[in-house]
Amino acid sequence: MAFKADAAKIRRWREERHWSQEHLAELAGIGLRTLQRIEKGEPASKDTLMALAAAFGVEVLALCIDPEAEAAEIVRKKDAKVVSGLRLSVGIHFAGYVIGMAVFAAISLGDTSGYWIMKWPTLWWSVGMVAHAATLGMVELVARTRQAQANWS
């Protein structure tokens, strides 16, 4: 059975001790190529992790990725991607809105009646812009709440 080793932690611990990959592999009694694969994020066998844990003087679980933390990180990245895309879409919508309002103003100012003839398109486009921005606010609030809950756990 393969365990998911925390590659970044293993590499960081090795570098903090100023050990080369060759030195750690020799201390743990594993092959250099095996250590290189583990540090690249490939799975490791239980025996290999036990040997590395012994070399570092820690429990085996200290070298493994916590599944809950990994799941929380996946959710955080997904939320960040959604919020980023929504921010972009609101920004594009707002740019179009500004241009549209300038065109509506030009049309209305060109009218000699003194009446804002583009009031209904202005009103409804403004409602759409506010709704789009409110959606962004709600999604950001949900993402921040999820992140705060993950930090509390």
C-alpha atoms as a PDB file:
ATOM      1  CA  MET A   1       0.000   0.000   0.000  1.00  0.00           C
ATOM      2  CA  ALA A   2       1.321   3.455  -0.940  1.00  0.00           C
ATOM      3  CA  PHE A   3       1.140   6.421   1.414  1.00  0.00           C
ATOM      4  CA  LYS A   4       1.042  10.028   0.322  1.00  0.00           C
ATOM      5  CA  ALA A   5       4.214  11.529   1.702  1.00  0.00           C
ATOM      6  CA  ASP A   6       4.470  15.267   2.343  1.00  0.00           C
ATOM      7  CA  ALA A   7       7.150  15.937  -0.266  1.00  0.00           C
ATOM      8  CA  ALA A   8       7.575  19.596   0.650  1.00  0.00           C
ATOM      9  CA  LYS A   9       8.068  18.768   4.334  1.00  0.00           C
ATOM     10  CA  ILE A  10      10.614  16.025   3.600  1.00  0.00           C
ATOM     11  CA  ARG A  11      12.577  18.331   1.307  1.00  0.00           C
ATOM     12  CA  ARG A  12      12.360  21.225   3.805  1.00  0.00           C
ATOM     13  CA  TRP A  13      13.520  19.060   6.723  1.00  0.00           C
ATOM     14  CA  ARG A  14      16.397  17.697   4.646  1.00  0.00           C
ATOM     15  CA  GLU A  15      17.470  21.188   3.592  1.00  0.00           C
ATOM     16  CA  GLU A  16      17.132  22.577   7.150  1.00  0.00           C
ATOM     17  CA  ARG A  17      19.632  19.930   8.255  1.00  0.00           C
ATOM     18  CA  HIS A  18      21.877  20.788   5.293  1.00  0.00           C
ATOM     19  CA  TRP A  19      21.707  17.197   4.098  1.00  0.00           C
ATOM     20  CA  SER A  20      22.075  16.268   0.474  1.00  0.00           C
ATOM     21  CA  GLN A  21      19.638  13.810  -1.062  1.00  0.00           C
ATOM     22  CA  GLU A  22      22.464  11.288  -1.180  1.00  0.00           C
ATOM     23  CA  HIS A  23      23.148  11.716   2.544  1.00  0.00           C
ATOM     24  CA  LEU A  24      19.490  11.295   3.543  1.00  0.00           C
ATOM     25  CA  ALA A  25      19.079   8.288   1.267  1.00  0.00           C
ATOM     26  CA  GLU A  26      22.145   6.690   2.851  1.00  0.00           C
ATOM     27  CA  LEU A  27      20.943   7.473   6.420  1.00  0.00           C
ATOM     28  CA  ALA A  28      17.517   6.010   5.673  1.00  0.00           C
ATOM     29  CA  GLY A  29      18.907   3.027   3.777  1.00  0.00           C
ATOM     30  CA  ILE A  30      16.841   3.765   0.665  1.00  0.00           C
ATOM     31  CA  GLY A  31      17.833   4.406  -2.916  1.00  0.00           C
ATOM     32  CA  LEU A  32      18.666   7.906  -4.079  1.00  0.00           C
ATOM     33  CA  ARG A  33      16.197   7.584  -6.956  1.00  0.00           C
ATOM     34  CA  THR A  34      13.467   6.578  -4.476  1.00  0.00           C
ATOM     35  CA  LEU A  35      14.097   9.713  -2.408  1.00  0.00           C
ATOM     36  CA  GLN A  36      14.089  11.858  -5.551  1.00  0.00           C
ATOM     37  CA  ARG A  37      10.706  10.425  -6.578  1.00  0.00           C
ATOM     38  CA  ILE A  38       9.283  11.034  -3.096  1.00  0.00           C
ATOM     39  CA  GLU A  39      10.488  14.647  -3.113  1.00  0.00           C
ATOM     40  CA  LYS A  40       8.742  15.086  -6.481  1.00  0.00           C
ATOM     41  CA  GLY A  41       5.465  14.058  -4.853  1.00  0.00           C
ATOM     42  CA  GLU A  42       5.198  10.442  -5.952  1.00  0.00           C
ATOM     43  CA  PRO A  43       3.773   7.914  -3.453  1.00  0.00           C
ATOM     44  CA  ALA A  44       6.034   6.057  -1.052  1.00  0.00           C
ATOM     45  CA  SER A  45       5.716   2.627   0.505  1.00  0.00           C
ATOM     46  CA  LYS A  46       5.159   2.218   4.221  1.00  0.00           C
ATOM     47  CA  ASP A  47       8.665   0.757   4.647  1.00  0.00           C
ATOM     48  CA  THR A  48      10.267   3.700   2.856  1.00  0.00           C
ATOM     49  CA  LEU A  49       8.386   6.193   5.022  1.00  0.00           C
ATOM     50  CA  MET A  50       9.372   4.262   8.141  1.00  0.00           C
ATOM     51  CA  ALA A  51      13.031   4.429   7.074  1.00  0.00           C
ATOM     52  CA  LEU A  52      12.810   8.172   6.414  1.00  0.00           C
ATOM     53  CA  ALA A  53      11.034   8.746   9.732  1.00  0.00           C
ATOM     54  CA  ALA A  54      13.807   6.881  11.531  1.00  0.00           C
ATOM     55  CA  ALA A  55      16.433   9.015   9.759  1.00  0.00           C
ATOM     56  CA  PHE A  56      14.653  12.205  10.835  1.00  0.00           C
ATOM     57  CA  GLY A  57      13.840  10.840  14.302  1.00  0.00           C
ATOM     58  CA  VAL A  58      10.070  11.389  13.990  1.00  0.00           C
ATOM     59  CA  GLU A  59       6.878   9.342  13.778  1.00  0.00           C
ATOM     60  CA  VAL A  60       5.853   8.090  10.332  1.00  0.00           C
ATOM     61  CA  LEU A  61       2.640  10.129  10.406  1.00  0.00           C
ATOM     62  CA  ALA A  62       4.724  13.310  10.621  1.00  0.00           C
ATOM     63  CA  LEU A  63       5.901  12.612   7.057  1.00  0.00           C
ATOM     64  CA  CYS A  64       2.429  11.972   5.614  1.00  0.00           C
ATOM     65  CA  ILE A  65      -0.048  14.474   4.248  1.00  0.00           C
ATOM     66  CA  ASP A  66      -3.108  14.946   6.421  1.00  0.00           C
ATOM     67  CA  PRO A  67      -6.121  14.055   4.211  1.00  0.00           C
ATOM     68  CA  GLU A  68      -8.300  16.705   5.884  1.00  0.00           C
ATOM     69  CA  ALA A  69      -5.698  19.402   5.292  1.00  0.00           C
ATOM     70  CA  GLU A  70      -5.303  18.261   1.698  1.00  0.00           C
ATOM     71  CA  ALA A  71      -9.080  18.380   1.158  1.00  0.00           C
ATOM     72  CA  ALA A  72      -9.244  21.853   2.737  1.00  0.00           C
ATOM     73  CA  GLU A  73      -6.467  23.051   0.417  1.00  0.00           C
ATOM     74  CA  ILE A  74      -8.326  21.706  -2.625  1.00  0.00           C
ATOM     75  CA  VAL A  75     -11.493  23.538  -1.543  1.00  0.00           C
ATOM     76  CA  ARG A  76      -9.504  26.741  -0.892  1.00  0.00           C
ATOM     77  CA  LYS A  77      -7.935  26.620  -4.357  1.00  0.00           C
ATOM     78  CA  LYS A  78     -11.295  25.953  -5.981  1.00  0.00           C
ATOM     79  CA  ASP A  79     -12.885  28.850  -4.092  1.00  0.00           C
ATOM     80  CA  ALA A  80     -10.013  31.145  -5.078  1.00  0.00           C
ATOM     81  CA  LYS A  81     -10.427  30.189  -8.730  1.00  0.00           C
ATOM     82  CA  VAL A  82     -14.191  30.826  -8.631  1.00  0.00           C
ATOM     83  CA  VAL A  83     -13.788  34.193  -6.898  1.00  0.00           C
ATOM     84  CA  SER A  84     -11.040  35.226  -9.310  1.00  0.00           C
ATOM     85  CA  GLY A  85     -13.186  34.372 -12.331  1.00  0.00           C
ATOM     86  CA  LEU A  86     -16.173  36.194 -10.880  1.00  0.00           C
ATOM     87  CA  ARG A  87     -14.052  39.281 -10.126  1.00  0.00           C
ATOM     88  CA  LEU A  88     -12.897  39.284 -13.723  1.00  0.00           C
ATOM     89  CA  SER A  89     -16.452  38.977 -15.037  1.00  0.00           C
ATOM     90  CA  VAL A  90     -17.666  41.836 -12.802  1.00  0.00           C
ATOM     91  CA  GLY A  91     -14.729  43.963 -13.969  1.00  0.00           C
ATOM     92  CA  ILE A  92     -15.553  43.305 -17.618  1.00  0.00           C
ATOM     93  CA  HIS A  93     -19.236  43.998 -16.953  1.00  0.00           C
ATOM     94  CA  PHE A  94     -18.350  47.252 -15.189  1.00  0.00           C
ATOM     95  CA  ALA A  95     -16.126  48.402 -18.071  1.00  0.00           C
ATOM     96  CA  GLY A  96     -18.971  47.757 -20.501  1.00  0.00           C
ATOM     97  CA  TYR A  97     -21.362  49.514 -18.131  1.00  0.00           C
ATOM     98  CA  VAL A  98     -19.210  52.660 -18.031  1.00  0.00           C
ATOM     99  CA  ILE A  99     -18.972  52.748 -21.823  1.00  0.00           C
ATOM    100  CA  GLY A 100     -22.700  52.086 -22.135  1.00  0.00           C
ATOM    101  CA  MET A 101     -23.559  54.863 -19.693  1.00  0.00           C
ATOM    102  CA  ALA A 102     -21.360  57.255 -21.686  1.00  0.00           C
ATOM    103  CA  VAL A 103     -23.221  56.295 -24.869  1.00  0.00           C
ATOM    104  CA  PHE A 104     -26.592  56.658 -23.119  1.00  0.00           C
ATOM    105  CA  ALA A 105     -25.551  60.090 -21.836  1.00  0.00           C
ATOM    106  CA  ALA A 106     -24.486  61.159 -25.315  1.00  0.00           C
ATOM    107  CA  ILE A 107     -27.802  59.991 -26.770  1.00  0.00           C
ATOM    108  CA  SER A 108     -29.820  61.714 -24.062  1.00  0.00           C
ATOM    109  CA  LEU A 109     -27.811  64.945 -24.217  1.00  0.00           C
ATOM    110  CA  GLY A 110     -28.286  65.021 -27.977  1.00  0.00           C
ATOM    111  CA  ASP A 111     -32.031  65.069 -27.495  1.00  0.00           C
ATOM    112  CA  THR A 112     -33.381  68.622 -27.451  1.00  0.00           C
ATOM    113  CA  SER A 113     -36.396  67.815 -25.257  1.00  0.00           C
ATOM    114  CA  GLY A 114     -34.257  67.977 -22.110  1.00  0.00           C
ATOM    115  CA  TYR A 115     -35.612  64.603 -21.055  1.00  0.00           C
ATOM    116  CA  TRP A 116     -33.338  61.620 -20.257  1.00  0.00           C
ATOM    117  CA  ILE A 117     -34.619  59.376 -23.036  1.00  0.00           C
ATOM    118  CA  MET A 118     -32.340  56.501 -22.015  1.00  0.00           C
ATOM    119  CA  LYS A 119     -33.624  56.307 -18.437  1.00  0.00           C
ATOM    120  CA  TRP A 120     -35.097  52.783 -18.698  1.00  0.00           C
ATOM    121  CA  PRO A 121     -32.025  51.162 -20.282  1.00  0.00           C
ATOM    122  CA  THR A 122     -29.874  53.028 -17.732  1.00  0.00           C
ATOM    123  CA  LEU A 123     -32.044  51.831 -14.860  1.00  0.00           C
ATOM    124  CA  TRP A 124     -32.140  48.181 -15.919  1.00  0.00           C
ATOM    125  CA  TRP A 125     -28.465  47.972 -16.798  1.00  0.00           C
ATOM    126  CA  SER A 126     -27.685  49.524 -13.405  1.00  0.00           C
ATOM    127  CA  VAL A 127     -29.868  46.883 -11.713  1.00  0.00           C
ATOM    128  CA  GLY A 128     -27.962  44.161 -13.590  1.00  0.00           C
ATOM    129  CA  MET A 129     -24.604  45.669 -12.602  1.00  0.00           C
ATOM    130  CA  VAL A 130     -25.611  45.865  -8.927  1.00  0.00           C
ATOM    131  CA  ALA A 131     -26.907  42.266  -9.003  1.00  0.00           C
ATOM    132  CA  HIS A 132     -23.667  41.035 -10.570  1.00  0.00           C
ATOM    133  CA  ALA A 133     -21.580  42.885  -7.963  1.00  0.00           C
ATOM    134  CA  ALA A 134     -23.829  41.558  -5.160  1.00  0.00           C
ATOM    135  CA  THR A 135     -23.273  38.020  -6.441  1.00  0.00           C
ATOM    136  CA  LEU A 136     -19.529  38.593  -6.224  1.00  0.00           C
ATOM    137  CA  GLY A 137     -19.920  39.859  -2.663  1.00  0.00           C
ATOM    138  CA  MET A 138     -21.928  36.807  -1.617  1.00  0.00           C
ATOM    139  CA  VAL A 139     -19.493  34.366  -3.221  1.00  0.00           C
ATOM    140  CA  GLU A 140     -16.542  36.100  -1.551  1.00  0.00           C
ATOM    141  CA  LEU A 141     -18.356  35.972   1.799  1.00  0.00           C
ATOM    142  CA  VAL A 142     -19.005  32.240   1.432  1.00  0.00           C
ATOM    143  CA  ALA A 143     -15.370  31.587   0.436  1.00  0.00           C
ATOM    144  CA  ARG A 144     -14.048  33.595   3.402  1.00  0.00           C
ATOM    145  CA  THR A 145     -16.431  31.865   5.794  1.00  0.00           C
ATOM    146  CA  ARG A 146     -15.320  28.447   4.538  1.00  0.00           C
ATOM    147  CA  GLN A 147     -11.677  29.444   4.948  1.00  0.00           C
ATOM    148  CA  ALA A 148     -12.302  30.718   8.481  1.00  0.00           C
ATOM    149  CA  GLN A 149     -14.074  27.486   9.394  1.00  0.00           C
ATOM    150  CA  ALA A 150     -11.173  25.470   7.995  1.00  0.00           C
ATOM    151  CA  ASN A 151      -8.739  27.524  10.098  1.00  0.00           C
ATOM    152  CA  TRP A 152     -10.830  26.933  13.256  1.00  0.00           C
ATOM    153  CA  SER A 153     -10.711  23.151  12.811  1.00  0.00           C
END
